[in-house]
Each structure stands twice: as C-alpha cells, then as structure tokens.
Amino acid sequence: MAFTSFDVDFDSSIAGTSTESTGVKGKMTFSFTKNTGNEYTLDLGIANTTRVPGDPSGTLVGFAFNVPGTNNTPSDIKLLTYNPLDSNFGDVFGATANGSEATVNNNTVLTIATNPQPAPFSPYGSFTFCARDSGNNCVGGQARGLADGQSTRVRFTLASNVASIDTAEEVTQSFFNLFNSWNPATNPNAPQVALRFQNVTTSSGVSGQSEKVGGIPKKPPQAPGDAVPGPLPVLGAATAFAFSRKLRRRITSANFQAQPSA
C-alpha cells in the first residue's frame, strides 16, 4: 500500500540506552510531499509522549536520523535545507562540511553542505543529521526542549539522487525501510533514528538522569478502500436475491404495459 507519512515510536523500556528503565517516550511523524523535479519537502513532527502528570518525566532535547543510501551514506537521498520553524531545535550537527556546529534561528532556512560530515551520537555512532536545543555537541548541553506532552515540528527539503525514487510515496517507503531495518534486540546500538532526553525523573523517582532512545517505525493502517470485501451473510444474500427478483418483475411488467397495441 502506498503511503506518504508514517510514525516512529520511541519507548525507553524497549530501546533506551540507560541501564535503568527511565520510562520516557516520544514520537516522530515523517510526512513527505513532492515539489518540482527530484525535490521533496519533509514535514517532521516531534512529540514528547511521556505521560502527564507525574513520574516518569523528561525533556526531549534533540533528535537524529539517517537518510536512505548505500552503506548508510547519503547516496540515495540528499538533505538540502533545514528550517527549525518555531521549535527550539536550532543547534544543528551533520550539516557542515567540516563537522562544526551550525546555529539557525527560528523560521530561518539553513542550507546543508554538499558533503556534510555526519553527527556523532554516542553510543549510537553517527547520524546523517542531528539537531538539539543547545550545546557544543549533539548529545550534550542544555535542556530547553519539549516537556512531557509537548510537541513541535521542523521542516526539511531533500532531493532524490536515484531514478528509482521519483515520487513522494517512494521517498516515504525508502525512509520507512531504512528505519525498519533496525532490530533493537539483536543490535541495540544501531538505530536509524533516535531521540535525546535530559532532566529525566525515572519511573522509580530517581531524578537528574538522561536517556537516548532508538525509534521503531509504524506503517500506516490499511485504508478502508484497500480492504478486500468478504462474502455477504446468508440472510443478506437471500434478501438481496429476493429484491433482485422483484425488481426484474417490475421492469418486465412496465415494458409489457408500454408495448403499443396492434
């Protein structure tokens, strides 16, 4: 089934880096639209879905993801620009050619370098792109992001570099396949998309913790039009058959009465 958006769920009890289950949770929504030529817009929703109120609690301060490509390099998809919109995610890593931090103001478009250096995100290695509230790297700094229950969105433009990806549906599917390739049970430190939490108070009440959580994508549910119709119930089929017989008789009678007399 073709789709142009999907959600990614983050649950620290399933794919968190902390030795203690902190209980923090999040969600990202990837939505793609086609522009002109081989360019696309990615509207990215980011939400801290940790329960409100009470423990656990945490501030979502950063996000990171990879783009589809051979050996996890940006050969299939290229990020072109980034706009933090009204979010606090203006400190960007993975956008410059020398690997330095790029700071972008709200509702300001940042042009991403032609050959950007990846963003380190220990213990997950590096990601194609990472943004956070503030700090001198993508996993450290302040905690002015999203509190429990809060959400925001950011925006990217990107381009496809391969002929096989030339629709919004195909771009969406390529990202979904990449994120879905990760199995936290067998390779816990290799997610393709991740969130960073700070100022965490755990489920057991321990405060001052931090957490990184890998994401697991969810394919959109099947649309009603895609469902295969099942057989009619016996009673329904009988009723339909009786109605059909009556309708044919009425049509026959009407035709007979309409015949001109000899």
Protein backbone atom coordinates (compact mmCIF):
# COMPACT_ATOMS: atom_id res chain seq x y z
CA MET A 1 0.00 0.00 0.00
CA ALA A 2 1.37 3.42 -0.95
CA PHE A 3 1.70 5.99 1.82
CA THR A 4 3.36 9.39 2.23
CA SER A 5 3.69 9.56 6.02
CA PHE A 6 4.40 7.29 8.95
CA ASP A 7 5.08 7.47 12.69
CA VAL A 8 8.15 6.36 14.60
CA ASP A 9 7.67 5.35 18.24
CA PHE A 10 10.32 5.73 20.94
CA ASP A 11 10.00 3.74 24.17
CA SER A 12 12.88 3.70 26.62
CA SER A 13 11.71 0.37 28.04
CA ILE A 14 12.28 -1.22 24.62
CA ALA A 15 15.16 0.70 23.03
CA GLY A 16 16.75 3.01 25.60
CA THR A 17 20.44 3.36 26.49
CA SER A 18 20.01 3.74 30.25
CA THR A 19 20.74 0.74 32.47
CA GLU A 20 17.58 1.67 34.39
CA SER A 21 14.25 1.97 32.60
CA THR A 22 13.60 5.71 32.72
CA GLY A 23 10.10 5.46 31.25
CA VAL A 24 10.43 8.36 28.78
CA LYS A 25 8.67 8.07 25.42
CA GLY A 26 8.41 10.03 22.20
CA LYS A 27 7.07 10.04 18.67
CA MET A 28 8.19 11.44 15.32
CA THR A 29 5.93 11.77 12.28
CA PHE A 30 7.60 11.83 8.85
CA SER A 31 5.38 13.38 6.13
CA PHE A 32 6.63 13.85 2.55
CA THR A 33 5.33 15.91 -0.36
CA LYS A 34 6.78 16.27 -3.85
CA ASN A 35 7.91 19.70 -5.04
CA THR A 36 9.37 20.07 -8.53
CA GLY A 37 11.80 17.79 -10.32
CA ASN A 38 13.53 15.48 -7.87
CA GLU A 39 12.97 17.67 -4.78
CA TYR A 40 10.66 16.98 -1.82
CA THR A 41 9.54 18.55 1.46
CA LEU A 42 9.74 16.64 4.73
CA ASP A 43 7.50 17.98 7.48
CA LEU A 44 8.74 16.34 10.64
CA GLY A 45 6.57 16.27 13.77
CA ILE A 46 8.32 15.67 17.10
CA ALA A 47 6.47 14.88 20.33
CA ASN A 48 7.38 14.04 23.92
CA THR A 49 4.73 11.44 24.75
CA THR A 50 5.97 10.71 28.27
CA ARG A 51 2.89 10.50 30.43
CA VAL A 52 1.48 13.60 32.11
CA PRO A 53 1.40 14.21 35.05
CA GLY A 54 3.87 12.50 37.37
CA ASP A 55 6.82 10.16 37.06
CA PRO A 56 8.43 9.32 34.75
CA SER A 57 9.30 12.72 33.34
CA GLY A 58 11.90 14.17 30.98
CA THR A 59 12.71 16.93 28.50
CA LEU A 60 13.12 15.95 24.85
CA VAL A 61 16.14 18.00 23.79
CA GLY A 62 17.29 16.56 20.45
CA PHE A 63 16.67 14.24 17.53
CA ALA A 64 18.80 12.48 14.92
CA PHE A 65 18.22 10.31 11.86
CA ASN A 66 19.91 8.76 8.86
CA VAL A 67 18.83 9.07 5.25
CA PRO A 68 18.49 6.16 2.79
CA GLY A 69 21.65 5.27 0.93
CA THR A 70 24.20 2.59 0.25
CA ASN A 71 26.08 1.65 3.41
CA ASN A 72 24.20 4.37 5.26
CA THR A 73 25.67 7.23 3.21
CA PRO A 74 23.53 9.91 1.59
CA SER A 75 23.76 8.46 -1.91
CA ASP A 76 20.04 7.86 -2.49
CA ILE A 77 18.65 10.89 -0.65
CA LYS A 78 20.35 14.24 -0.10
CA LEU A 79 19.21 16.75 2.54
CA LEU A 80 19.17 20.25 1.03
CA THR A 81 17.84 22.64 3.69
CA TYR A 82 16.63 22.68 7.28
CA ASN A 83 14.16 25.06 8.94
CA PRO A 84 13.52 24.71 12.71
CA LEU A 85 10.28 26.71 12.31
CA ASP A 86 9.12 27.71 15.82
CA SER A 87 10.89 24.86 17.62
CA ASN A 88 13.90 25.11 19.94
CA PHE A 89 15.93 22.77 17.72
CA GLY A 90 18.27 25.35 16.22
CA ASP A 91 21.67 23.81 17.04
CA VAL A 92 22.47 21.57 14.09
CA PHE A 93 25.11 18.92 13.50
CA GLY A 94 25.65 16.92 10.33
CA ALA A 95 25.03 19.93 8.10
CA THR A 96 28.53 21.40 7.62
CA ALA A 97 31.48 20.19 5.56
CA ASN A 98 33.94 20.43 8.47
CA GLY A 99 31.71 18.82 11.10
CA SER A 100 31.27 22.01 13.13
CA GLU A 101 28.03 23.17 14.73
CA ALA A 102 25.61 25.30 12.70
CA THR A 103 23.22 27.58 14.56
CA VAL A 104 19.99 28.57 12.83
CA ASN A 105 17.30 30.94 14.13
CA ASN A 106 13.59 30.17 14.18
CA ASN A 107 11.88 30.27 10.77
CA THR A 108 15.26 30.62 9.05
CA VAL A 109 16.39 28.28 6.30
CA LEU A 110 19.79 26.64 6.71
CA THR A 111 21.46 25.35 3.55
CA ILE A 112 23.12 21.99 4.18
CA ALA A 113 26.63 21.49 2.79
CA THR A 114 27.15 19.44 -0.36
CA ASN A 115 29.26 16.86 1.50
CA PRO A 116 28.40 17.27 5.19
CA GLN A 117 30.18 15.41 7.95
CA PRO A 118 27.98 13.03 9.99
CA ALA A 119 26.91 13.92 13.53
CA PRO A 120 28.39 11.80 16.38
CA PHE A 121 25.69 10.47 18.72
CA SER A 122 27.31 8.09 21.21
CA PRO A 123 26.66 5.21 21.82
CA TYR A 124 24.76 5.04 18.54
CA GLY A 125 27.70 6.02 16.34
CA SER A 126 26.92 8.84 13.89
CA PHE A 127 23.82 10.08 12.10
CA THR A 128 23.31 11.95 8.85
CA PHE A 129 21.59 14.81 10.69
CA CYS A 130 21.11 15.85 14.31
CA ALA A 131 19.50 18.91 15.92
CA ARG A 132 19.04 19.87 19.56
CA ASP A 133 18.10 22.80 21.81
CA SER A 134 21.66 23.97 22.53
CA GLY A 135 25.12 22.62 23.36
CA ASN A 136 28.54 22.01 21.89
CA ASN A 137 27.65 18.58 20.50
CA CYS A 138 24.51 16.66 19.68
CA VAL A 139 24.37 14.68 22.91
CA GLY A 140 25.24 17.37 25.46
CA GLY A 141 24.18 20.85 26.50
CA GLN A 142 21.10 22.47 27.96
CA ALA A 143 17.56 21.15 28.31
CA ARG A 144 15.15 23.67 26.80
CA GLY A 145 13.30 21.28 24.53
CA LEU A 146 9.89 19.62 24.86
CA ALA A 147 8.42 18.86 28.27
CA ASP A 148 6.09 15.92 28.85
CA GLY A 149 3.12 16.11 26.49
CA GLN A 150 4.56 18.89 24.30
CA SER A 151 5.15 18.69 20.55
CA THR A 152 6.63 20.74 17.73
CA ARG A 153 7.63 20.40 14.08
CA VAL A 154 10.54 21.22 11.80
CA ARG A 155 10.96 21.15 8.03
CA PHE A 156 13.48 19.86 5.50
CA THR A 157 13.83 19.93 1.76
CA LEU A 158 15.59 16.98 0.18
CA ALA A 159 16.37 15.51 -3.21
CA SER A 160 16.43 12.03 -4.67
CA ASN A 161 19.64 11.03 -6.41
CA VAL A 162 18.34 7.81 -7.97
CA ALA A 163 15.80 7.23 -10.72
CA SER A 164 14.01 4.52 -8.75
CA ILE A 165 12.90 7.08 -6.14
CA ASP A 166 10.86 9.69 -8.00
CA THR A 167 7.56 10.00 -6.11
CA ALA A 168 6.61 11.06 -2.59
CA GLU A 169 5.42 7.51 -1.93
CA GLU A 170 8.78 6.04 -2.95
CA VAL A 171 10.69 8.55 -0.81
CA THR A 172 8.46 7.69 2.15
CA GLN A 173 8.93 3.95 1.59
CA SER A 174 12.72 4.32 1.41
CA PHE A 175 12.84 6.07 4.79
CA PHE A 176 10.43 3.55 6.30
CA ASN A 177 12.50 0.62 5.05
CA LEU A 178 15.70 2.13 6.46
CA PHE A 179 14.24 2.78 9.90
CA ASN A 180 12.51 -0.61 9.90
CA SER A 181 15.79 -2.42 9.20
CA TRP A 182 16.84 -1.99 12.83
CA ASN A 183 16.26 -4.72 15.40
CA PRO A 184 16.91 -3.44 18.94
CA ALA A 185 17.02 -6.98 20.30
CA THR A 186 19.94 -8.08 18.13
CA ASN A 187 21.79 -4.79 17.53
CA PRO A 188 20.77 -2.32 20.25
CA ASN A 189 23.31 0.40 19.40
CA ALA A 190 22.46 0.79 15.70
CA PRO A 191 19.10 2.55 15.34
CA GLN A 192 18.49 4.66 12.25
CA VAL A 193 16.54 7.37 14.12
CA ALA A 194 16.86 8.47 17.76
CA LEU A 195 15.75 10.97 20.41
CA ARG A 196 17.70 12.55 23.28
CA PHE A 197 16.13 13.24 26.72
CA GLN A 198 17.56 15.16 29.68
CA ASN A 199 16.36 16.22 33.15
CA VAL A 200 14.78 12.78 33.46
CA THR A 201 13.00 11.59 36.58
CA THR A 202 12.64 7.83 36.27
CA SER A 203 9.66 5.62 36.99
CA SER A 204 11.22 4.83 40.37
CA GLY A 205 11.63 8.52 41.24
CA VAL A 206 15.37 8.92 40.55
CA SER A 207 15.97 12.43 39.16
CA GLY A 208 18.76 14.05 37.13
CA GLN A 209 19.04 11.24 34.61
CA SER A 210 19.46 11.32 30.81
CA GLU A 211 18.46 8.92 28.08
CA LYS A 212 18.83 8.24 24.37
CA VAL A 213 16.10 6.18 22.72
CA GLY A 214 16.07 4.47 19.32
CA GLY A 215 12.95 4.57 17.18
CA ILE A 216 10.79 1.86 15.64
CA PRO A 217 8.55 2.86 12.69
CA LYS A 218 4.86 2.04 12.38
CA LYS A 219 3.35 1.55 8.92
CA PRO A 220 0.04 3.41 8.48
CA PRO A 221 -3.06 1.23 8.90
CA GLN A 222 -4.68 -0.19 5.80
CA ALA A 223 -7.13 2.25 4.24
CA PRO A 224 -10.79 1.13 4.01
CA GLY A 225 -10.62 1.20 0.20
CA ASP A 226 -7.78 -1.31 0.25
CA ALA A 227 -9.73 -3.96 2.15
CA VAL A 228 -10.94 -6.99 0.23
CA PRO A 229 -14.74 -7.34 0.62
CA GLY A 230 -15.87 -10.51 2.34
CA PRO A 231 -18.85 -12.71 1.40
CA LEU A 232 -22.36 -11.49 2.12
CA PRO A 233 -24.04 -13.01 5.18
CA VAL A 234 -26.55 -15.72 4.29
CA LEU A 235 -29.53 -13.60 5.34
CA GLY A 236 -28.18 -10.57 3.49
CA ALA A 237 -27.60 -12.56 0.31
CA ALA A 238 -31.13 -14.01 0.43
CA THR A 239 -32.64 -10.56 0.90
CA ALA A 240 -30.62 -9.17 -1.99
CA PHE A 241 -31.72 -12.07 -4.23
CA ALA A 242 -35.42 -11.58 -3.37
CA PHE A 243 -35.18 -7.85 -4.04
CA SER A 244 -33.48 -8.53 -7.37
CA ARG A 245 -36.34 -10.87 -8.46
CA LYS A 246 -38.98 -8.28 -7.54
CA LEU A 247 -37.08 -5.57 -9.42
CA ARG A 248 -36.85 -7.72 -12.58
CA ARG A 249 -40.62 -8.45 -12.44
CA ARG A 250 -41.42 -4.73 -12.16
CA ILE A 251 -39.20 -3.93 -15.12
CA THR A 252 -40.78 -6.73 -17.20
CA SER A 253 -44.30 -5.59 -16.29
CA ALA A 254 -43.52 -1.98 -17.12
CA ASN A 255 -42.08 -2.97 -20.50
CA PHE A 256 -45.13 -5.10 -21.30
CA GLN A 257 -47.57 -2.27 -20.46
CA ALA A 258 -45.56 0.15 -22.57
CA GLN A 259 -45.88 -2.01 -25.73
CA PRO A 260 -48.09 -0.28 -28.36
CA SER A 261 -51.34 -2.06 -29.27
CA ALA A 262 -51.50 -3.79 -32.67
